[in-house]
Amino acid sequence: MQRSLFKSLLRVKLPTRHVGLLFKHRTFKDPVYEKSTSDKFLNGITYCEVYRILPDDDATIMVCGRGLCKFPDRYNKKIGRKRALTSALGKRTTLTKERLFTREERELIWTAYWEKVKPESAPLHPYGPVPPNTDLITAEGQIIGGE
């Protein structure tokens, strides 16, 4: 695996192994029709590659999932990441038809993903994240954070 991509992996420690997640996005200016991918026109594709992290600090790809944005929908990276990760975690082995990840492993991977997307340390606010040292005004004219 390329070293530049290896640093950007979202690493997850599972009970039996370590895995890393890498998301790739591809958007199109005009809708594209690819018979091998989908029977409809596409506005974008998001790939989720799951890598097994080896002890010698290298990685090999385990599985790849994808999320398709079909025309006329607008492409959205957040939705694409969720669909691609769902697709990757739902894969099964060819011979035994067993899932590659157990339920516990899938829960750990989703937990790590959500912690990366929405960290618990960030203050919750009904109007979105609060910038430090600033005042916000609500729709009713009340100043939030003011003295």
N, C-alpha and C. Protein backbone atom coordinates (compact mmCIF):
# COMPACT_ATOMS: atom_id res chain seq x y z
N MET A 1 0.83 -1.18 0.00
CA MET A 1 0.00 0.00 0.00
C MET A 1 0.88 1.24 0.00
N GLN A 2 0.43 2.30 -0.64
CA GLN A 2 1.19 3.53 -0.67
C GLN A 2 1.26 4.14 0.73
N ARG A 3 2.43 4.63 1.08
CA ARG A 3 2.63 5.19 2.41
C ARG A 3 1.79 6.43 2.66
N SER A 4 1.55 7.23 1.64
CA SER A 4 0.75 8.44 1.84
C SER A 4 -0.70 8.09 2.20
N LEU A 5 -1.24 7.02 1.62
CA LEU A 5 -2.58 6.58 1.95
C LEU A 5 -2.62 5.88 3.30
N PHE A 6 -1.55 5.22 3.67
CA PHE A 6 -1.50 4.47 4.91
C PHE A 6 -1.69 5.38 6.12
N LYS A 7 -1.18 6.60 6.03
CA LYS A 7 -1.31 7.54 7.15
C LYS A 7 -2.73 8.04 7.32
N SER A 8 -3.52 8.05 6.27
CA SER A 8 -4.88 8.59 6.34
C SER A 8 -5.94 7.54 6.68
N LEU A 9 -5.53 6.32 7.01
CA LEU A 9 -6.49 5.28 7.36
C LEU A 9 -7.15 5.59 8.70
N LEU A 10 -8.45 5.30 8.79
CA LEU A 10 -9.13 5.33 10.08
C LEU A 10 -8.90 3.95 10.69
N ARG A 11 -8.05 3.88 11.70
CA ARG A 11 -7.66 2.59 12.27
C ARG A 11 -8.63 2.16 13.36
N VAL A 12 -8.96 0.85 13.34
CA VAL A 12 -9.87 0.28 14.31
C VAL A 12 -9.24 -1.00 14.85
N LYS A 13 -9.17 -1.09 16.17
CA LYS A 13 -8.61 -2.29 16.80
C LYS A 13 -9.76 -3.23 17.14
N LEU A 14 -9.79 -4.37 16.46
CA LEU A 14 -10.81 -5.39 16.69
C LEU A 14 -10.23 -6.46 17.60
N PRO A 15 -11.06 -7.32 18.19
CA PRO A 15 -10.53 -8.34 19.10
C PRO A 15 -9.50 -9.28 18.46
N THR A 16 -9.65 -9.59 17.18
CA THR A 16 -8.75 -10.55 16.55
C THR A 16 -7.76 -9.93 15.57
N ARG A 17 -7.96 -8.68 15.19
CA ARG A 17 -7.10 -8.06 14.18
C ARG A 17 -7.27 -6.55 14.20
N HIS A 18 -6.41 -5.89 13.45
CA HIS A 18 -6.51 -4.45 13.27
C HIS A 18 -6.91 -4.18 11.82
N VAL A 19 -7.84 -3.25 11.64
CA VAL A 19 -8.25 -2.89 10.28
C VAL A 19 -8.17 -1.36 10.13
N GLY A 20 -8.13 -0.95 8.89
CA GLY A 20 -8.14 0.47 8.57
C GLY A 20 -9.15 0.75 7.47
N LEU A 21 -9.81 1.89 7.55
CA LEU A 21 -10.81 2.28 6.57
C LEU A 21 -10.27 3.45 5.75
N LEU A 22 -10.50 3.39 4.45
CA LEU A 22 -10.10 4.46 3.55
C LEU A 22 -11.25 4.74 2.59
N PHE A 23 -11.68 6.00 2.54
CA PHE A 23 -12.78 6.39 1.66
C PHE A 23 -12.23 7.16 0.48
N LYS A 24 -12.76 6.85 -0.71
CA LYS A 24 -12.40 7.55 -1.93
C LYS A 24 -13.68 8.00 -2.61
N HIS A 25 -13.67 9.24 -3.11
CA HIS A 25 -14.85 9.81 -3.74
C HIS A 25 -14.56 10.12 -5.20
N ARG A 26 -15.55 9.89 -6.04
CA ARG A 26 -15.42 10.20 -7.47
C ARG A 26 -16.73 10.81 -7.94
N THR A 27 -16.66 12.06 -8.39
CA THR A 27 -17.86 12.73 -8.88
C THR A 27 -17.71 12.99 -10.37
N PHE A 28 -18.84 13.17 -11.02
CA PHE A 28 -18.87 13.40 -12.46
C PHE A 28 -19.56 14.73 -12.74
N LYS A 29 -19.03 15.49 -13.70
CA LYS A 29 -19.67 16.75 -14.08
C LYS A 29 -21.03 16.49 -14.71
N ASP A 30 -21.07 15.54 -15.61
CA ASP A 30 -22.31 15.13 -16.26
C ASP A 30 -22.61 13.69 -15.87
N PRO A 31 -23.88 13.31 -15.79
CA PRO A 31 -24.20 11.92 -15.45
C PRO A 31 -23.52 10.93 -16.41
N VAL A 32 -23.00 9.85 -15.84
CA VAL A 32 -22.25 8.85 -16.60
C VAL A 32 -23.02 7.53 -16.56
N TYR A 33 -23.03 6.84 -17.68
CA TYR A 33 -23.69 5.54 -17.75
C TYR A 33 -22.63 4.47 -17.93
N GLU A 34 -22.55 3.56 -16.96
CA GLU A 34 -21.63 2.42 -17.04
C GLU A 34 -22.45 1.16 -16.81
N LYS A 35 -22.59 0.35 -17.82
CA LYS A 35 -23.40 -0.86 -17.74
C LYS A 35 -22.87 -1.81 -16.68
N SER A 36 -21.54 -1.88 -16.50
CA SER A 36 -20.96 -2.81 -15.53
C SER A 36 -21.21 -2.38 -14.09
N THR A 37 -21.43 -1.08 -13.85
CA THR A 37 -21.62 -0.58 -12.50
C THR A 37 -23.09 -0.52 -12.10
N SER A 38 -23.90 0.06 -12.95
CA SER A 38 -25.30 0.25 -12.63
C SER A 38 -26.11 0.35 -13.93
N ASP A 39 -27.40 0.09 -13.80
CA ASP A 39 -28.25 0.21 -14.98
C ASP A 39 -28.81 1.61 -15.14
N LYS A 40 -28.39 2.55 -14.29
CA LYS A 40 -28.84 3.94 -14.36
C LYS A 40 -27.65 4.87 -14.48
N PHE A 41 -27.92 6.12 -14.82
CA PHE A 41 -26.87 7.13 -14.88
C PHE A 41 -26.39 7.47 -13.48
N LEU A 42 -25.09 7.74 -13.34
CA LEU A 42 -24.49 8.02 -12.04
C LEU A 42 -23.97 9.45 -11.97
N ASN A 43 -24.13 10.07 -10.79
CA ASN A 43 -23.54 11.38 -10.53
C ASN A 43 -22.26 11.27 -9.72
N GLY A 44 -22.07 10.16 -9.04
CA GLY A 44 -20.87 9.97 -8.24
C GLY A 44 -20.81 8.60 -7.61
N ILE A 45 -19.61 8.22 -7.19
CA ILE A 45 -19.38 6.93 -6.52
C ILE A 45 -18.46 7.18 -5.34
N THR A 46 -18.75 6.53 -4.22
CA THR A 46 -17.87 6.57 -3.05
C THR A 46 -17.43 5.14 -2.78
N TYR A 47 -16.13 4.96 -2.61
CA TYR A 47 -15.56 3.64 -2.30
C TYR A 47 -15.09 3.62 -0.86
N CYS A 48 -15.31 2.51 -0.18
CA CYS A 48 -14.78 2.28 1.16
C CYS A 48 -13.90 1.05 1.09
N GLU A 49 -12.60 1.24 1.25
CA GLU A 49 -11.66 0.12 1.24
C GLU A 49 -11.30 -0.22 2.68
N VAL A 50 -11.45 -1.50 3.02
CA VAL A 50 -11.10 -1.97 4.36
C VAL A 50 -9.79 -2.74 4.24
N TYR A 51 -8.79 -2.28 4.97
CA TYR A 51 -7.46 -2.89 4.93
C TYR A 51 -7.19 -3.64 6.22
N ARG A 52 -6.49 -4.76 6.11
CA ARG A 52 -5.97 -5.46 7.28
C ARG A 52 -4.59 -4.89 7.56
N ILE A 53 -4.39 -4.39 8.76
CA ILE A 53 -3.10 -3.82 9.14
C ILE A 53 -2.23 -4.94 9.68
N LEU A 54 -1.09 -5.14 9.03
CA LEU A 54 -0.18 -6.23 9.37
C LEU A 54 0.78 -5.80 10.48
N PRO A 55 1.39 -6.78 11.18
CA PRO A 55 2.30 -6.45 12.28
C PRO A 55 3.52 -5.63 11.85
N ASP A 56 3.99 -5.78 10.62
CA ASP A 56 5.17 -5.05 10.18
C ASP A 56 4.81 -3.64 9.69
N ASP A 57 3.66 -3.11 10.18
CA ASP A 57 3.19 -1.76 9.86
C ASP A 57 2.97 -1.56 8.36
N ASP A 58 2.35 -2.55 7.76
CA ASP A 58 1.94 -2.47 6.37
C ASP A 58 0.47 -2.87 6.32
N ALA A 59 -0.16 -2.77 5.18
CA ALA A 59 -1.58 -3.08 5.08
C ALA A 59 -1.88 -3.76 3.76
N THR A 60 -2.84 -4.68 3.81
CA THR A 60 -3.34 -5.33 2.59
C THR A 60 -4.85 -5.15 2.56
N ILE A 61 -5.39 -5.03 1.37
CA ILE A 61 -6.83 -4.79 1.25
C ILE A 61 -7.60 -6.09 1.52
N MET A 62 -8.67 -5.95 2.30
CA MET A 62 -9.53 -7.08 2.61
C MET A 62 -10.77 -7.07 1.73
N VAL A 63 -11.44 -5.92 1.69
CA VAL A 63 -12.72 -5.83 1.00
C VAL A 63 -12.95 -4.37 0.60
N CYS A 64 -13.76 -4.20 -0.44
CA CYS A 64 -14.10 -2.86 -0.91
C CYS A 64 -15.61 -2.78 -1.10
N GLY A 65 -16.21 -1.73 -0.54
CA GLY A 65 -17.63 -1.49 -0.73
C GLY A 65 -17.82 -0.18 -1.49
N ARG A 66 -19.00 0.00 -2.05
CA ARG A 66 -19.22 1.24 -2.81
C ARG A 66 -20.64 1.73 -2.59
N GLY A 67 -20.76 3.04 -2.66
CA GLY A 67 -22.05 3.71 -2.59
C GLY A 67 -22.26 4.49 -3.87
N LEU A 68 -23.36 4.25 -4.54
CA LEU A 68 -23.63 4.90 -5.82
C LEU A 68 -24.64 6.02 -5.65
N CYS A 69 -24.41 7.12 -6.33
CA CYS A 69 -25.36 8.22 -6.39
C CYS A 69 -25.95 8.23 -7.79
N LYS A 70 -27.19 7.83 -7.89
CA LYS A 70 -27.84 7.71 -9.20
C LYS A 70 -28.54 9.01 -9.57
N PHE A 71 -28.54 9.31 -10.85
CA PHE A 71 -29.20 10.49 -11.38
C PHE A 71 -30.70 10.37 -11.12
N PRO A 72 -31.41 11.34 -10.67
CA PRO A 72 -31.16 12.77 -10.56
C PRO A 72 -30.73 13.22 -9.16
N ASP A 73 -30.37 12.29 -8.26
CA ASP A 73 -29.96 12.67 -6.91
C ASP A 73 -28.68 13.50 -6.95
N ARG A 74 -28.51 14.36 -5.94
CA ARG A 74 -27.28 15.14 -5.83
C ARG A 74 -26.27 14.33 -5.03
N TYR A 75 -25.01 14.40 -5.43
CA TYR A 75 -23.95 13.66 -4.75
C TYR A 75 -23.67 14.27 -3.39
N ASN A 76 -23.56 13.41 -2.37
CA ASN A 76 -23.28 13.84 -1.01
C ASN A 76 -22.26 12.89 -0.41
N LYS A 77 -21.12 13.42 0.01
CA LYS A 77 -20.04 12.57 0.54
C LYS A 77 -20.45 11.83 1.80
N LYS A 78 -21.19 12.48 2.69
CA LYS A 78 -21.59 11.84 3.95
C LYS A 78 -22.45 10.61 3.69
N ILE A 79 -23.43 10.76 2.84
CA ILE A 79 -24.32 9.63 2.52
C ILE A 79 -23.53 8.55 1.78
N GLY A 80 -22.65 8.96 0.88
CA GLY A 80 -21.82 8.00 0.15
C GLY A 80 -20.93 7.18 1.07
N ARG A 81 -20.33 7.84 2.08
CA ARG A 81 -19.48 7.11 3.03
C ARG A 81 -20.29 6.07 3.79
N LYS A 82 -21.48 6.45 4.25
CA LYS A 82 -22.31 5.50 5.00
C LYS A 82 -22.73 4.32 4.14
N ARG A 83 -23.13 4.60 2.91
CA ARG A 83 -23.55 3.50 2.01
C ARG A 83 -22.37 2.59 1.66
N ALA A 84 -21.21 3.19 1.41
CA ALA A 84 -20.04 2.39 1.05
C ALA A 84 -19.58 1.54 2.23
N LEU A 85 -19.59 2.10 3.44
CA LEU A 85 -19.19 1.32 4.62
C LEU A 85 -20.18 0.20 4.89
N THR A 86 -21.47 0.48 4.72
CA THR A 86 -22.49 -0.57 4.88
C THR A 86 -22.26 -1.69 3.88
N SER A 87 -21.94 -1.32 2.65
CA SER A 87 -21.68 -2.31 1.60
C SER A 87 -20.45 -3.15 1.93
N ALA A 88 -19.40 -2.51 2.41
CA ALA A 88 -18.16 -3.24 2.72
C ALA A 88 -18.35 -4.19 3.90
N LEU A 89 -19.06 -3.75 4.92
CA LEU A 89 -19.24 -4.59 6.11
C LEU A 89 -20.25 -5.71 5.87
N GLY A 90 -21.04 -5.62 4.83
CA GLY A 90 -22.02 -6.66 4.53
C GLY A 90 -21.49 -7.75 3.63
N LYS A 91 -20.25 -7.67 3.20
CA LYS A 91 -19.69 -8.67 2.29
C LYS A 91 -19.55 -10.03 2.97
N ARG A 92 -19.64 -11.07 2.15
CA ARG A 92 -19.53 -12.45 2.64
C ARG A 92 -18.43 -13.18 1.88
N THR A 93 -17.93 -14.27 2.46
CA THR A 93 -16.91 -15.07 1.79
C THR A 93 -17.56 -15.82 0.63
N THR A 94 -16.75 -16.16 -0.36
CA THR A 94 -17.27 -16.79 -1.56
C THR A 94 -17.71 -18.24 -1.31
N LEU A 95 -16.90 -18.99 -0.58
CA LEU A 95 -17.19 -20.41 -0.41
C LEU A 95 -18.23 -20.70 0.65
N THR A 96 -18.03 -20.16 1.86
CA THR A 96 -18.90 -20.53 2.97
C THR A 96 -20.07 -19.58 3.17
N LYS A 97 -20.07 -18.46 2.45
CA LYS A 97 -21.14 -17.45 2.55
C LYS A 97 -21.27 -16.87 3.95
N GLU A 98 -20.19 -16.93 4.75
CA GLU A 98 -20.19 -16.31 6.07
C GLU A 98 -19.74 -14.87 5.95
N ARG A 99 -20.19 -14.04 6.87
CA ARG A 99 -19.78 -12.63 6.86
C ARG A 99 -18.29 -12.52 7.20
N LEU A 100 -17.64 -11.52 6.59
CA LEU A 100 -16.23 -11.28 6.88
C LEU A 100 -16.04 -10.68 8.27
N PHE A 101 -17.04 -9.95 8.75
CA PHE A 101 -16.98 -9.31 10.06
C PHE A 101 -18.13 -9.78 10.91
N THR A 102 -17.84 -10.09 12.17
CA THR A 102 -18.90 -10.49 13.10
C THR A 102 -19.70 -9.26 13.50
N ARG A 103 -20.80 -9.48 14.18
CA ARG A 103 -21.62 -8.36 14.63
C ARG A 103 -20.84 -7.44 15.55
N GLU A 104 -20.07 -8.02 16.47
CA GLU A 104 -19.27 -7.22 17.40
C GLU A 104 -18.25 -6.36 16.65
N GLU A 105 -17.60 -6.96 15.66
CA GLU A 105 -16.61 -6.21 14.87
C GLU A 105 -17.28 -5.07 14.08
N ARG A 106 -18.45 -5.34 13.51
CA ARG A 106 -19.17 -4.30 12.78
C ARG A 106 -19.55 -3.15 13.70
N GLU A 107 -20.00 -3.48 14.91
CA GLU A 107 -20.34 -2.43 15.88
C GLU A 107 -19.12 -1.60 16.26
N LEU A 108 -17.98 -2.24 16.45
CA LEU A 108 -16.75 -1.51 16.78
C LEU A 108 -16.32 -0.59 15.64
N ILE A 109 -16.45 -1.07 14.41
CA ILE A 109 -16.07 -0.26 13.25
C ILE A 109 -17.01 0.94 13.12
N TRP A 110 -18.32 0.73 13.27
CA TRP A 110 -19.27 1.85 13.18
C TRP A 110 -19.03 2.84 14.32
N THR A 111 -18.73 2.36 15.51
CA THR A 111 -18.46 3.25 16.64
C THR A 111 -17.25 4.11 16.34
N ALA A 112 -16.18 3.51 15.82
CA ALA A 112 -14.98 4.28 15.47
C ALA A 112 -15.29 5.29 14.37
N TYR A 113 -16.11 4.92 13.41
CA TYR A 113 -16.48 5.84 12.34
C TYR A 113 -17.24 7.03 12.90
N TRP A 114 -18.24 6.77 13.76
CA TRP A 114 -19.05 7.87 14.29
C TRP A 114 -18.24 8.75 15.23
N GLU A 115 -17.29 8.18 15.96
CA GLU A 115 -16.42 9.00 16.80
C GLU A 115 -15.55 9.93 15.96
N LYS A 116 -15.16 9.47 14.79
CA LYS A 116 -14.37 10.30 13.89
C LYS A 116 -15.23 11.40 13.27
N VAL A 117 -16.46 11.06 12.90
CA VAL A 117 -17.34 12.02 12.25
C VAL A 117 -17.90 13.02 13.26
N LYS A 118 -18.38 12.53 14.39
CA LYS A 118 -18.97 13.38 15.43
C LYS A 118 -18.32 13.06 16.77
N PRO A 119 -17.17 13.66 17.07
CA PRO A 119 -16.51 13.35 18.35
C PRO A 119 -17.37 13.80 19.53
N GLU A 120 -17.34 13.01 20.61
CA GLU A 120 -18.14 13.32 21.80
C GLU A 120 -17.60 14.54 22.53
N SER A 121 -16.34 14.87 22.34
CA SER A 121 -15.76 16.00 23.04
C SER A 121 -16.26 17.33 22.49
N ALA A 122 -16.83 17.33 21.29
CA ALA A 122 -17.35 18.56 20.70
C ALA A 122 -18.61 18.98 21.44
N PRO A 123 -18.73 20.25 21.80
CA PRO A 123 -19.93 20.69 22.51
C PRO A 123 -21.15 20.62 21.60
N LEU A 124 -22.24 20.10 22.14
CA LEU A 124 -23.47 20.01 21.38
C LEU A 124 -24.22 21.33 21.48
N HIS A 125 -24.78 21.78 20.39
CA HIS A 125 -25.50 23.03 20.36
C HIS A 125 -26.59 22.91 19.30
N PRO A 126 -27.80 23.37 19.61
CA PRO A 126 -28.89 23.19 18.64
C PRO A 126 -28.68 23.91 17.31
N TYR A 127 -27.81 24.93 17.28
CA TYR A 127 -27.58 25.67 16.05
C TYR A 127 -26.27 25.29 15.39
N GLY A 128 -25.70 24.16 15.75
CA GLY A 128 -24.44 23.71 15.16
C GLY A 128 -23.28 23.97 16.09
N PRO A 129 -22.05 23.69 15.65
CA PRO A 129 -20.89 23.89 16.51
C PRO A 129 -20.69 25.37 16.83
N VAL A 130 -20.28 25.64 18.07
CA VAL A 130 -20.10 27.01 18.52
C VAL A 130 -18.64 27.40 18.35
N PRO A 131 -18.35 28.44 17.55
CA PRO A 131 -16.98 28.91 17.44
C PRO A 131 -16.52 29.49 18.77
N PRO A 132 -15.24 29.31 19.13
CA PRO A 132 -14.77 29.84 20.40
C PRO A 132 -14.77 31.37 20.42
N ASN A 133 -15.08 31.94 21.58
CA ASN A 133 -15.03 33.39 21.83
C ASN A 133 -15.93 34.19 20.88
N THR A 134 -17.10 33.68 20.57
CA THR A 134 -18.03 34.43 19.73
C THR A 134 -19.42 34.36 20.33
N ASP A 135 -20.25 35.31 19.97
CA ASP A 135 -21.64 35.33 20.42
C ASP A 135 -22.54 34.88 19.27
N LEU A 136 -23.59 34.19 19.62
CA LEU A 136 -24.57 33.75 18.63
C LEU A 136 -25.92 34.36 18.97
N ILE A 137 -26.71 34.67 17.97
CA ILE A 137 -28.02 35.24 18.18
C ILE A 137 -29.04 34.22 17.67
N THR A 138 -30.02 33.89 18.50
CA THR A 138 -31.05 32.94 18.11
C THR A 138 -32.07 33.64 17.22
N ALA A 139 -33.04 32.86 16.72
CA ALA A 139 -34.10 33.42 15.87
C ALA A 139 -34.96 34.41 16.65
N GLU A 140 -35.05 34.24 17.98
CA GLU A 140 -35.84 35.14 18.80
C GLU A 140 -35.07 36.39 19.20
N GLY A 141 -33.80 36.50 18.83
CA GLY A 141 -32.99 37.66 19.15
C GLY A 141 -32.20 37.53 20.44
N GLN A 142 -32.24 36.36 21.08
CA GLN A 142 -31.50 36.15 22.31
C GLN A 142 -30.04 35.89 21.99
N ILE A 143 -29.14 36.50 22.74
CA ILE A 143 -27.70 36.32 22.51
C ILE A 143 -27.23 35.13 23.34
N ILE A 144 -26.62 34.18 22.68
CA ILE A 144 -26.09 33.01 23.35
C ILE A 144 -24.61 33.25 23.60
N GLY A 145 -24.18 33.04 24.80
CA GLY A 145 -22.76 33.24 25.12
C GLY A 145 -22.44 34.67 25.47
N GLY A 146 -23.42 35.55 25.46
CA GLY A 146 -23.19 36.95 25.81
C GLY A 146 -23.24 37.15 27.31
N GLU A 147 -22.74 38.27 27.76
CA GLU A 147 -22.75 38.56 29.20
C GLU A 147 -23.92 39.44 29.57
